[in-house]
Amino acid sequence: MGSGYGPSEPLPQFPADLRTLAVAALGQVTGGLCELAVVWDEAVDGPKWRRGIVRPRDVLGPPVPLREEVLFAV
């Protein structure tokens, strides 16, 4: 069951450059220096707002590959 606030049919595949731009914009909105993010972080529904940003970001952006970092050289 949908929320009623999105499209009723699947959207077409967006061009890669537009998807990259959208992911960057979402990153800016949720960044620590963004006033919008600061206000939401202080709000009761802040975690819900952040979860609402994660889904479109995950849909638009390619999966972030896990990096294996070496913390200590043996």
PDB file of N, CA and C in Angstrom:
ATOM      1  N   MET A   1       0.836  -1.170   0.000  1.00  0.00           N
ATOM      2  CA  MET A   1       0.000   0.000   0.000  1.00  0.00           C
ATOM      3  C   MET A   1       0.881   1.233   0.000  1.00  0.00           C
ATOM      4  N   GLY A   2       0.659   2.150  -0.935  1.00  0.00           N
ATOM      5  CA  GLY A   2       1.465   3.347  -1.056  1.00  0.00           C
ATOM      6  C   GLY A   2       1.006   4.434  -0.101  1.00  0.00           C
ATOM      7  N   SER A   3       1.811   5.456  -0.003  1.00  0.00           N
ATOM      8  CA  SER A   3       1.504   6.554   0.903  1.00  0.00           C
ATOM      9  C   SER A   3       0.547   7.559   0.279  1.00  0.00           C
ATOM     10  N   GLY A   4       0.349   7.517  -1.032  1.00  0.00           N
ATOM     11  CA  GLY A   4      -0.500   8.487  -1.690  1.00  0.00           C
ATOM     12  C   GLY A   4       0.244   9.745  -2.097  1.00  0.00           C
ATOM     13  N   TYR A   5       1.535   9.841  -1.758  1.00  0.00           N
ATOM     14  CA  TYR A   5       2.315  11.025  -2.073  1.00  0.00           C
ATOM     15  C   TYR A   5       3.341  10.793  -3.175  1.00  0.00           C
ATOM     16  N   GLY A   6       3.336   9.626  -3.762  1.00  0.00           N
ATOM     17  CA  GLY A   6       4.298   9.327  -4.812  1.00  0.00           C
ATOM     18  C   GLY A   6       3.587   9.021  -6.109  1.00  0.00           C
ATOM     19  N   PRO A   7       4.348   8.716  -7.138  1.00  0.00           N
ATOM     20  CA  PRO A   7       3.752   8.388  -8.431  1.00  0.00           C
ATOM     21  C   PRO A   7       2.974   7.074  -8.354  1.00  0.00           C
ATOM     22  N   SER A   8       1.923   6.982  -9.150  1.00  0.00           N
ATOM     23  CA  SER A   8       1.107   5.764  -9.152  1.00  0.00           C
ATOM     24  C   SER A   8       1.694   4.699 -10.068  1.00  0.00           C
ATOM     25  N   GLU A   9       2.614   5.081 -10.952  1.00  0.00           N
ATOM     26  CA  GLU A   9       3.260   4.141 -11.861  1.00  0.00           C
ATOM     27  C   GLU A   9       4.771   4.262 -11.721  1.00  0.00           C
ATOM     28  N   PRO A  10       5.513   3.207 -12.062  1.00  0.00           N
ATOM     29  CA  PRO A  10       6.984   3.281 -11.975  1.00  0.00           C
ATOM     30  C   PRO A  10       7.534   4.414 -12.843  1.00  0.00           C
ATOM     31  N   LEU A  11       8.573   5.051 -12.349  1.00  0.00           N
ATOM     32  CA  LEU A  11       9.228   6.127 -13.093  1.00  0.00           C
ATOM     33  C   LEU A  11      10.204   5.539 -14.109  1.00  0.00           C
ATOM     34  N   PRO A  12      10.475   6.269 -15.181  1.00  0.00           N
ATOM     35  CA  PRO A  12      11.477   5.788 -16.142  1.00  0.00           C
ATOM     36  C   PRO A  12      12.871   5.850 -15.520  1.00  0.00           C
ATOM     37  N   GLN A  13      13.807   5.155 -16.116  1.00  0.00           N
ATOM     38  CA  GLN A  13      15.195   5.185 -15.663  1.00  0.00           C
ATOM     39  C   GLN A  13      15.759   6.580 -15.922  1.00  0.00           C
ATOM     40  N   PHE A  14      16.293   7.212 -14.891  1.00  0.00           N
ATOM     41  CA  PHE A  14      16.867   8.540 -15.041  1.00  0.00           C
ATOM     42  C   PHE A  14      18.303   8.437 -15.537  1.00  0.00           C
ATOM     43  N   PRO A  15      18.778   9.450 -16.285  1.00  0.00           N
ATOM     44  CA  PRO A  15      20.175   9.449 -16.740  1.00  0.00           C
ATOM     45  C   PRO A  15      21.135   9.454 -15.544  1.00  0.00           C
ATOM     46  N   ALA A  16      22.278   8.844 -15.721  1.00  0.00           N
ATOM     47  CA  ALA A  16      23.262   8.706 -14.636  1.00  0.00           C
ATOM     48  C   ALA A  16      23.679  10.062 -14.064  1.00  0.00           C
ATOM     49  N   ASP A  17      23.862  11.074 -14.911  1.00  0.00           N
ATOM     50  CA  ASP A  17      24.296  12.373 -14.398  1.00  0.00           C
ATOM     51  C   ASP A  17      23.219  13.024 -13.536  1.00  0.00           C
ATOM     52  N   LEU A  18      21.955  12.827 -13.875  1.00  0.00           N
ATOM     53  CA  LEU A  18      20.870  13.369 -13.074  1.00  0.00           C
ATOM     54  C   LEU A  18      20.768  12.632 -11.742  1.00  0.00           C
ATOM     55  N   ARG A  19      20.960  11.317 -11.783  1.00  0.00           N
ATOM     56  CA  ARG A  19      20.929  10.520 -10.554  1.00  0.00           C
ATOM     57  C   ARG A  19      22.060  10.941  -9.614  1.00  0.00           C
ATOM     58  N   THR A  20      23.241  11.153 -10.168  1.00  0.00           N
ATOM     59  CA  THR A  20      24.390  11.576  -9.369  1.00  0.00           C
ATOM     60  C   THR A  20      24.125  12.931  -8.728  1.00  0.00           C
ATOM     61  N   LEU A  21      23.554  13.848  -9.495  1.00  0.00           N
ATOM     62  CA  LEU A  21      23.225  15.179  -8.988  1.00  0.00           C
ATOM     63  C   LEU A  21      22.193  15.094  -7.859  1.00  0.00           C
ATOM     64  N   ALA A  22      21.180  14.244  -8.020  1.00  0.00           N
ATOM     65  CA  ALA A  22      20.153  14.083  -6.991  1.00  0.00           C
ATOM     66  C   ALA A  22      20.738  13.505  -5.708  1.00  0.00           C
ATOM     67  N   VAL A  23      21.615  12.521  -5.829  1.00  0.00           N
ATOM     68  CA  VAL A  23      22.261  11.929  -4.647  1.00  0.00           C
ATOM     69  C   VAL A  23      23.119  12.982  -3.947  1.00  0.00           C
ATOM     70  N   ALA A  24      23.826  13.805  -4.711  1.00  0.00           N
ATOM     71  CA  ALA A  24      24.647  14.865  -4.126  1.00  0.00           C
ATOM     72  C   ALA A  24      23.768  15.877  -3.388  1.00  0.00           C
ATOM     73  N   ALA A  25      22.619  16.215  -3.969  1.00  0.00           N
ATOM     74  CA  ALA A  25      21.704  17.162  -3.326  1.00  0.00           C
ATOM     75  C   ALA A  25      21.174  16.590  -2.015  1.00  0.00           C
ATOM     76  N   LEU A  26      20.811  15.319  -2.008  1.00  0.00           N
ATOM     77  CA  LEU A  26      20.344  14.685  -0.776  1.00  0.00           C
ATOM     78  C   LEU A  26      21.456  14.671   0.273  1.00  0.00           C
ATOM     79  N   GLY A  27      22.685  14.468  -0.171  1.00  0.00           N
ATOM     80  CA  GLY A  27      23.820  14.503   0.747  1.00  0.00           C
ATOM     81  C   GLY A  27      24.011  15.880   1.362  1.00  0.00           C
ATOM     82  N   GLN A  28      23.805  16.918   0.565  1.00  0.00           N
ATOM     83  CA  GLN A  28      23.928  18.289   1.070  1.00  0.00           C
ATOM     84  C   GLN A  28      22.832  18.598   2.092  1.00  0.00           C
ATOM     85  N   VAL A  29      21.621  18.146   1.800  1.00  0.00           N
ATOM     86  CA  VAL A  29      20.489  18.409   2.686  1.00  0.00           C
ATOM     87  C   VAL A  29      20.662  17.708   4.032  1.00  0.00           C
ATOM     88  N   THR A  30      21.282  16.550   4.032  1.00  0.00           N
ATOM     89  CA  THR A  30      21.438  15.794   5.280  1.00  0.00           C
ATOM     90  C   THR A  30      22.784  16.039   5.954  1.00  0.00           C
ATOM     91  N   GLY A  31      23.620  16.846   5.340  1.00  0.00           N
ATOM     92  CA  GLY A  31      24.944  17.116   5.890  1.00  0.00           C
ATOM     93  C   GLY A  31      24.892  17.895   7.193  1.00  0.00           C
ATOM     94  N   GLY A  32      25.930  17.775   7.972  1.00  0.00           N
ATOM     95  CA  GLY A  32      25.995  18.411   9.277  1.00  0.00           C
ATOM     96  C   GLY A  32      25.963  19.925   9.253  1.00  0.00           C
ATOM     97  N   LEU A  33      26.343  20.529   8.136  1.00  0.00           N
ATOM     98  CA  LEU A  33      26.364  21.981   8.067  1.00  0.00           C
ATOM     99  C   LEU A  33      25.073  22.577   7.507  1.00  0.00           C
ATOM    100  N   CYS A  34      24.153  21.740   7.105  1.00  0.00           N
ATOM    101  CA  CYS A  34      22.897  22.207   6.536  1.00  0.00           C
ATOM    102  C   CYS A  34      21.925  22.565   7.660  1.00  0.00           C
ATOM    103  N   GLU A  35      21.388  23.782   7.615  1.00  0.00           N
ATOM    104  CA  GLU A  35      20.462  24.228   8.652  1.00  0.00           C
ATOM    105  C   GLU A  35      19.220  23.341   8.718  1.00  0.00           C
ATOM    106  N   LEU A  36      18.759  22.869   7.566  1.00  0.00           N
ATOM    107  CA  LEU A  36      17.599  21.982   7.538  1.00  0.00           C
ATOM    108  C   LEU A  36      17.867  20.716   8.353  1.00  0.00           C
ATOM    109  N   ALA A  37      19.037  20.130   8.167  1.00  0.00           N
ATOM    110  CA  ALA A  37      19.391  18.916   8.905  1.00  0.00           C
ATOM    111  C   ALA A  37      19.501  19.199  10.400  1.00  0.00           C
ATOM    112  N   VAL A  38      20.054  20.339  10.752  1.00  0.00           N
ATOM    113  CA  VAL A  38      20.196  20.700  12.163  1.00  0.00           C
ATOM    114  C   VAL A  38      18.820  20.827  12.811  1.00  0.00           C
ATOM    115  N   VAL A  39      17.893  21.483  12.132  1.00  0.00           N
ATOM    116  CA  VAL A  39      16.539  21.652  12.667  1.00  0.00           C
ATOM    117  C   VAL A  39      15.858  20.298  12.813  1.00  0.00           C
ATOM    118  N   TRP A  40      15.974  19.447  11.792  1.00  0.00           N
ATOM    119  CA  TRP A  40      15.342  18.128  11.874  1.00  0.00           C
ATOM    120  C   TRP A  40      15.974  17.268  12.961  1.00  0.00           C
ATOM    121  N   ASP A  41      17.264  17.392  13.149  1.00  0.00           N
ATOM    122  CA  ASP A  41      17.931  16.603  14.186  1.00  0.00           C
ATOM    123  C   ASP A  41      17.433  16.976  15.583  1.00  0.00           C
ATOM    124  N   GLU A  42      16.959  18.190  15.742  1.00  0.00           N
ATOM    125  CA  GLU A  42      16.427  18.629  17.027  1.00  0.00           C
ATOM    126  C   GLU A  42      14.944  18.291  17.182  1.00  0.00           C
ATOM    127  N   ALA A  43      14.285  17.907  16.100  1.00  0.00           N
ATOM    128  CA  ALA A  43      12.854  17.617  16.128  1.00  0.00           C
ATOM    129  C   ALA A  43      12.588  16.185  16.583  1.00  0.00           C
ATOM    130  N   VAL A  44      11.410  15.969  17.111  1.00  0.00           N
ATOM    131  CA  VAL A  44      11.005  14.634  17.552  1.00  0.00           C
ATOM    132  C   VAL A  44      10.996  13.659  16.377  1.00  0.00           C
ATOM    133  N   ASP A  45      10.556  14.104  15.215  1.00  0.00           N
ATOM    134  CA  ASP A  45      10.476  13.243  14.028  1.00  0.00           C
ATOM    135  C   ASP A  45      11.757  13.248  13.201  1.00  0.00           C
ATOM    136  N   GLY A  46      12.851  13.734  13.770  1.00  0.00           N
ATOM    137  CA  GLY A  46      14.113  13.789  13.042  1.00  0.00           C
ATOM    138  C   GLY A  46      14.566  12.445  12.486  1.00  0.00           C
ATOM    139  N   PRO A  47      14.556  11.374  13.304  1.00  0.00           N
ATOM    140  CA  PRO A  47      14.955  10.064  12.780  1.00  0.00           C
ATOM    141  C   PRO A  47      14.054   9.591  11.629  1.00  0.00           C
ATOM    142  N   LYS A  48      12.778   9.880  11.730  1.00  0.00           N
ATOM    143  CA  LYS A  48      11.843   9.500  10.658  1.00  0.00           C
ATOM    144  C   LYS A  48      12.182  10.262   9.374  1.00  0.00           C
ATOM    145  N   TRP A  49      12.518  11.539   9.507  1.00  0.00           N
ATOM    146  CA  TRP A  49      12.898  12.343   8.345  1.00  0.00           C
ATOM    147  C   TRP A  49      14.154  11.767   7.690  1.00  0.00           C
ATOM    148  N   ARG A  50      15.146  11.427   8.498  1.00  0.00           N
ATOM    149  CA  ARG A  50      16.380  10.863   7.950  1.00  0.00           C
ATOM    150  C   ARG A  50      16.121   9.537   7.245  1.00  0.00           C
ATOM    151  N   ARG A  51      15.280   8.686   7.822  1.00  0.00           N
ATOM    152  CA  ARG A  51      14.937   7.420   7.160  1.00  0.00           C
ATOM    153  C   ARG A  51      14.236   7.686   5.826  1.00  0.00           C
ATOM    154  N   GLY A  52      13.452   8.755   5.769  1.00  0.00           N
ATOM    155  CA  GLY A  52      12.774   9.117   4.524  1.00  0.00           C
ATOM    156  C   GLY A  52      13.743   9.572   3.445  1.00  0.00           C
ATOM    157  N   ILE A  53      14.905  10.045   3.826  1.00  0.00           N
ATOM    158  CA  ILE A  53      15.933  10.466   2.869  1.00  0.00           C
ATOM    159  C   ILE A  53      16.728   9.261   2.365  1.00  0.00           C
ATOM    160  N   VAL A  54      16.909   8.274   3.218  1.00  0.00           N
ATOM    161  CA  VAL A  54      17.746   7.121   2.882  1.00  0.00           C
ATOM    162  C   VAL A  54      17.188   6.348   1.688  1.00  0.00           C
ATOM    163  N   ARG A  55      15.891   6.103   1.668  1.00  0.00           N
ATOM    164  CA  ARG A  55      15.321   5.282   0.590  1.00  0.00           C
ATOM    165  C   ARG A  55      15.526   5.907  -0.789  1.00  0.00           C
ATOM    166  N   PRO A  56      15.161   7.175  -1.013  1.00  0.00           N
ATOM    167  CA  PRO A  56      15.408   7.732  -2.343  1.00  0.00           C
ATOM    168  C   PRO A  56      16.898   7.767  -2.696  1.00  0.00           C
ATOM    169  N   ARG A  57      17.734   8.031  -1.690  1.00  0.00           N
ATOM    170  CA  ARG A  57      19.180   8.051  -1.957  1.00  0.00           C
ATOM    171  C   ARG A  57      19.657   6.680  -2.393  1.00  0.00           C
ATOM    172  N   ASP A  58      19.163   5.633  -1.743  1.00  0.00           N
ATOM    173  CA  ASP A  58      19.558   4.278  -2.106  1.00  0.00           C
ATOM    174  C   ASP A  58      19.023   3.887  -3.487  1.00  0.00           C
ATOM    175  N   VAL A  59      17.844   4.358  -3.822  1.00  0.00           N
ATOM    176  CA  VAL A  59      17.260   4.048  -5.130  1.00  0.00           C
ATOM    177  C   VAL A  59      17.999   4.786  -6.240  1.00  0.00           C
ATOM    178  N   LEU A  60      18.356   6.033  -5.996  1.00  0.00           N
ATOM    179  CA  LEU A  60      19.009   6.852  -7.017  1.00  0.00           C
ATOM    180  C   LEU A  60      20.476   6.530  -7.201  1.00  0.00           C
ATOM    181  N   GLY A  61      21.146   6.263  -6.107  1.00  0.00           N
ATOM    182  CA  GLY A  61      22.588   6.078  -6.171  1.00  0.00           C
ATOM    183  C   GLY A  61      22.973   4.628  -6.285  1.00  0.00           C
ATOM    184  N   PRO A  62      24.116   4.387  -6.876  1.00  0.00           N
ATOM    185  CA  PRO A  62      24.612   3.009  -6.940  1.00  0.00           C
ATOM    186  C   PRO A  62      24.986   2.565  -5.529  1.00  0.00           C
ATOM    187  N   PRO A  63      24.945   1.280  -5.278  1.00  0.00           N
ATOM    188  CA  PRO A  63      25.354   0.804  -3.955  1.00  0.00           C
ATOM    189  C   PRO A  63      26.800   1.183  -3.677  1.00  0.00           C
ATOM    190  N   VAL A  64      27.044   1.595  -2.463  1.00  0.00           N
ATOM    191  CA  VAL A  64      28.399   1.972  -2.067  1.00  0.00           C
ATOM    192  C   VAL A  64      29.162   0.697  -1.760  1.00  0.00           C
ATOM    193  N   PRO A  65      30.262   0.439  -2.489  1.00  0.00           N
ATOM    194  CA  PRO A  65      31.015  -0.790  -2.223  1.00  0.00           C
ATOM    195  C   PRO A  65      31.683  -0.717  -0.860  1.00  0.00           C
ATOM    196  N   LEU A  66      31.673  -1.822  -0.170  1.00  0.00           N
ATOM    197  CA  LEU A  66      32.347  -1.884   1.110  1.00  0.00           C
ATOM    198  C   LEU A  66      33.854  -1.921   0.880  1.00  0.00           C
ATOM    199  N   ARG A  67      34.535  -1.089   1.645  1.00  0.00           N
ATOM    200  CA  ARG A  67      35.992  -1.067   1.531  1.00  0.00           C
ATOM    201  C   ARG A  67      36.577  -1.822   2.699  1.00  0.00           C
ATOM    202  N   GLU A  68      37.562  -2.616   2.394  1.00  0.00           N
ATOM    203  CA  GLU A  68      38.269  -3.295   3.461  1.00  0.00           C
ATOM    204  C   GLU A  68      39.446  -2.414   3.850  1.00  0.00           C
ATOM    205  N   GLU A  69      39.372  -1.871   5.039  1.00  0.00           N
ATOM    206  CA  GLU A  69      40.436  -0.991   5.504  1.00  0.00           C
ATOM    207  C   GLU A  69      41.331  -1.741   6.464  1.00  0.00           C
ATOM    208  N   VAL A  70      42.587  -1.541   6.304  1.00  0.00           N
ATOM    209  CA  VAL A  70      43.559  -2.142   7.221  1.00  0.00           C
ATOM    210  C   VAL A  70      43.841  -1.118   8.306  1.00  0.00           C
ATOM    211  N   LEU A  71      43.443  -1.456   9.532  1.00  0.00           N
ATOM    212  CA  LEU A  71      43.658  -0.537  10.634  1.00  0.00           C
ATOM    213  C   LEU A  71      45.066  -0.640  11.199  1.00  0.00           C
ATOM    214  N   PHE A  72      45.589  -1.872  11.200  1.00  0.00           N
ATOM    215  CA  PHE A  72      46.925  -2.081  11.725  1.00  0.00           C
ATOM    216  C   PHE A  72      47.692  -2.986  10.777  1.00  0.00           C
ATOM    217  N   ALA A  73      48.886  -2.578  10.419  1.00  0.00           N
ATOM    218  CA  ALA A  73      49.730  -3.427   9.588  1.00  0.00           C
ATOM    219  C   ALA A  73      50.405  -4.463  10.477  1.00  0.00           C
ATOM    220  N   VAL A  74      50.405  -5.697  10.011  1.00  0.00           N
ATOM    221  CA  VAL A  74      51.021  -6.767  10.800  1.00  0.00           C
ATOM    222  C   VAL A  74      52.354  -7.124  10.206  1.00  0.00           C
TER     223      VAL A  74
END
